[in-house]
C-alpha atoms as a PDB file:
ATOM      1  CA  MET A   1     -29.960 207.082  10.842  1.00  0.00           C
ATOM      2  CA  ALA A   2     -33.339 205.413  11.275  1.00  0.00           C
ATOM      3  CA  LEU A   3     -34.907 207.979   8.961  1.00  0.00           C
ATOM      4  CA  LEU A   4     -32.508 207.099   6.168  1.00  0.00           C
ATOM      5  CA  VAL A   5     -32.987 203.344   6.610  1.00  0.00           C
ATOM      6  CA  VAL A   6     -36.788 203.660   6.581  1.00  0.00           C
ATOM      7  CA  TYR A   7     -36.666 205.953   3.545  1.00  0.00           C
ATOM      8  CA  ILE A   8     -34.458 203.579   1.559  1.00  0.00           C
ATOM      9  CA  ALA A   9     -36.669 200.599   2.427  1.00  0.00           C
ATOM     10  CA  LEU A  10     -39.869 202.423   1.463  1.00  0.00           C
ATOM     11  CA  ALA A  11     -38.342 203.782  -1.746  1.00  0.00           C
ATOM     12  CA  PHE A  12     -37.064 200.322  -2.701  1.00  0.00           C
ATOM     13  CA  VAL A  13     -40.479 198.725  -2.196  1.00  0.00           C
ATOM     14  CA  GLY A  14     -42.276 201.571  -3.978  1.00  0.00           C
ATOM     15  CA  GLU A  15     -39.950 201.501  -6.965  1.00  0.00           C
ATOM     16  CA  ALA A  16     -40.278 197.711  -7.223  1.00  0.00           C
ATOM     17  CA  ILE A  17     -44.065 198.101  -7.379  1.00  0.00           C
ATOM     18  CA  ASN A  18     -43.622 200.895  -9.927  1.00  0.00           C
ATOM     19  CA  VAL A  19     -41.442 198.711 -12.170  1.00  0.00           C
ATOM     20  CA  MET A  20     -43.888 195.799 -11.938  1.00  0.00           C
ATOM     21  CA  ALA A  21     -46.791 198.090 -12.845  1.00  0.00           C
ATOM     22  CA  CYS A  22     -44.960 199.479 -15.858  1.00  0.00           C
ATOM     23  CA  LEU A  23     -43.938 196.014 -17.020  1.00  0.00           C
ATOM     24  CA  ALA A  24     -47.575 194.934 -16.720  1.00  0.00           C
ATOM     25  CA  LEU A  25     -48.620 197.927 -18.837  1.00  0.00           C
ATOM     26  CA  GLU A  26     -46.098 196.966 -21.492  1.00  0.00           C
ATOM     27  CA  ARG A  27     -47.320 193.378 -21.445  1.00  0.00           C
ATOM     28  CA  PHE A  28     -50.867 194.573 -22.199  1.00  0.00           C
ATOM     29  CA  GLN A  29     -49.564 196.303 -25.334  1.00  0.00           C
ATOM     30  CA  VAL A  30     -49.835 199.873 -24.046  1.00  0.00           C
ATOM     31  CA  ALA A  31     -47.814 202.242 -26.191  1.00  0.00           C
ATOM     32  CA  PRO A  32     -44.277 203.004 -24.948  1.00  0.00           C
ATOM     33  CA  SER A  33     -45.033 206.700 -25.392  1.00  0.00           C
ATOM     34  CA  ILE A  34     -47.461 206.302 -22.486  1.00  0.00           C
ATOM     35  CA  VAL A  35     -45.514 203.846 -20.329  1.00  0.00           C
ATOM     36  CA  ILE A  36     -42.237 205.794 -20.177  1.00  0.00           C
ATOM     37  CA  PRO A  37     -43.741 209.108 -18.925  1.00  0.00           C
ATOM     38  CA  PHE A  38     -45.929 207.113 -16.526  1.00  0.00           C
ATOM     39  CA  PHE A  39     -42.805 205.428 -15.135  1.00  0.00           C
ATOM     40  CA  PHE A  40     -40.937 208.696 -14.613  1.00  0.00           C
ATOM     41  CA  VAL A  41     -43.881 210.491 -13.008  1.00  0.00           C
ATOM     42  CA  THR A  42     -44.672 207.613 -10.674  1.00  0.00           C
ATOM     43  CA  SER A  43     -40.973 207.305  -9.762  1.00  0.00           C
ATOM     44  CA  VAL A  44     -40.932 210.895  -8.550  1.00  0.00           C
ATOM     45  CA  VAL A  45     -44.218 210.385  -6.699  1.00  0.00           C
ATOM     46  CA  VAL A  46     -42.900 207.213  -5.038  1.00  0.00           C
ATOM     47  CA  LEU A  47     -39.739 208.979  -3.848  1.00  0.00           C
ATOM     48  CA  TRP A  48     -41.751 211.912  -2.497  1.00  0.00           C
ATOM     49  CA  LEU A  49     -44.261 209.651  -0.719  1.00  0.00           C
ATOM     50  CA  ALA A  50     -41.468 207.478   0.701  1.00  0.00           C
ATOM     51  CA  TRP A  51     -39.823 210.568   2.188  1.00  0.00           C
ATOM     52  CA  ARG A  52     -43.067 211.872   3.707  1.00  0.00           C
ATOM     53  CA  LEU A  53     -43.904 208.440   5.127  1.00  0.00           C
ATOM     54  CA  ALA A  54     -40.390 207.940   6.507  1.00  0.00           C
ATOM     55  CA  ILE A  55     -40.579 211.267   8.308  1.00  0.00           C
ATOM     56  CA  ARG A  56     -43.961 210.380   9.783  1.00  0.00           C
ATOM     57  CA  LEU A  57     -42.842 206.909  10.877  1.00  0.00           C
ATOM     58  CA  THR A  58     -39.613 208.036  12.547  1.00  0.00           C
ATOM     59  CA  GLU A  59     -40.711 211.248  14.246  1.00  0.00           C
ATOM     60  CA  PRO A  60     -40.424 211.155  18.056  1.00  0.00           C
ATOM     61  CA  ARG A  61     -43.624 210.368  19.893  1.00  0.00           C
ATOM     62  CA  PRO A  62     -44.720 212.688  22.706  1.00  0.00           C
ATOM     63  CA  GLN A  63     -44.481 211.041  26.108  1.00  0.00           C
ATOM     64  CA  SER A  64     -47.704 210.590  28.000  1.00  0.00           C
ATOM     65  CA  ALA A  65     -48.001 211.757  31.606  1.00  0.00           C
ATOM     66  CA  SER A  66     -48.200 208.188  32.906  1.00  0.00           C
ATOM     67  CA  SER A  67     -44.916 207.067  31.344  1.00  0.00           C
ATOM     68  CA  ALA A  68     -42.074 208.503  33.368  1.00  0.00           C
ATOM     69  CA  GLY A  69     -38.665 208.665  31.761  1.00  0.00           C
ATOM     70  CA  PRO A  70     -35.333 208.269  33.508  1.00  0.00           C
ATOM     71  CA  GLU A  71     -35.094 212.031  34.110  1.00  0.00           C
ATOM     72  CA  HIS A  72     -38.318 211.949  36.093  1.00  0.00           C
ATOM     73  CA  LEU A  73     -37.089 209.014  38.171  1.00  0.00           C
ATOM     74  CA  VAL A  74     -33.840 210.816  39.013  1.00  0.00           C
ATOM     75  CA  LEU A  75     -35.795 213.916  40.020  1.00  0.00           C
ATOM     76  CA  VAL A  76     -38.143 211.965  42.298  1.00  0.00           C
ATOM     77  CA  LEU A  77     -35.316 210.013  43.929  1.00  0.00           C
ATOM     78  CA  SER A  78     -33.198 213.106  44.545  1.00  0.00           C
ATOM     79  CA  ALA A  79     -36.192 214.885  46.071  1.00  0.00           C
ATOM     80  CA  ALA A  80     -36.872 211.873  48.281  1.00  0.00           C
ATOM     81  CA  ILE A  81     -33.268 211.789  49.513  1.00  0.00           C
ATOM     82  CA  HIS A  82     -33.191 215.503  50.352  1.00  0.00           C
ATOM     83  CA  ALA A  83     -36.662 215.683  51.875  1.00  0.00           C
ATOM     84  CA  PRO A  84     -36.876 215.378  55.672  1.00  0.00           C
ATOM     85  CA  MET A  85     -38.539 212.248  56.915  1.00  0.00           C
ATOM     86  CA  ILE A  86     -41.774 212.796  58.769  1.00  0.00           C
ATOM     87  CA  PRO A  87     -42.323 210.261  61.566  1.00  0.00           C
END
């Protein structure tokens, strides 16, 4: 679910920047025959980059050896309960 939310947010921001760039090109009297293909190509590029970035941002991080998860805590506690006490 997080992947989809991040992708939609990135695509929305990227497409907004794309629209503003194309409107700026039109304002500077660039020919529509250039602006329209530019818009479509950059739209596809924005969607592709948003997907790649969303995957990279939401992929699980590997746990370091110092950070013990709940499974490790359960394992240590169960071993401590079953281990004989040494006086």
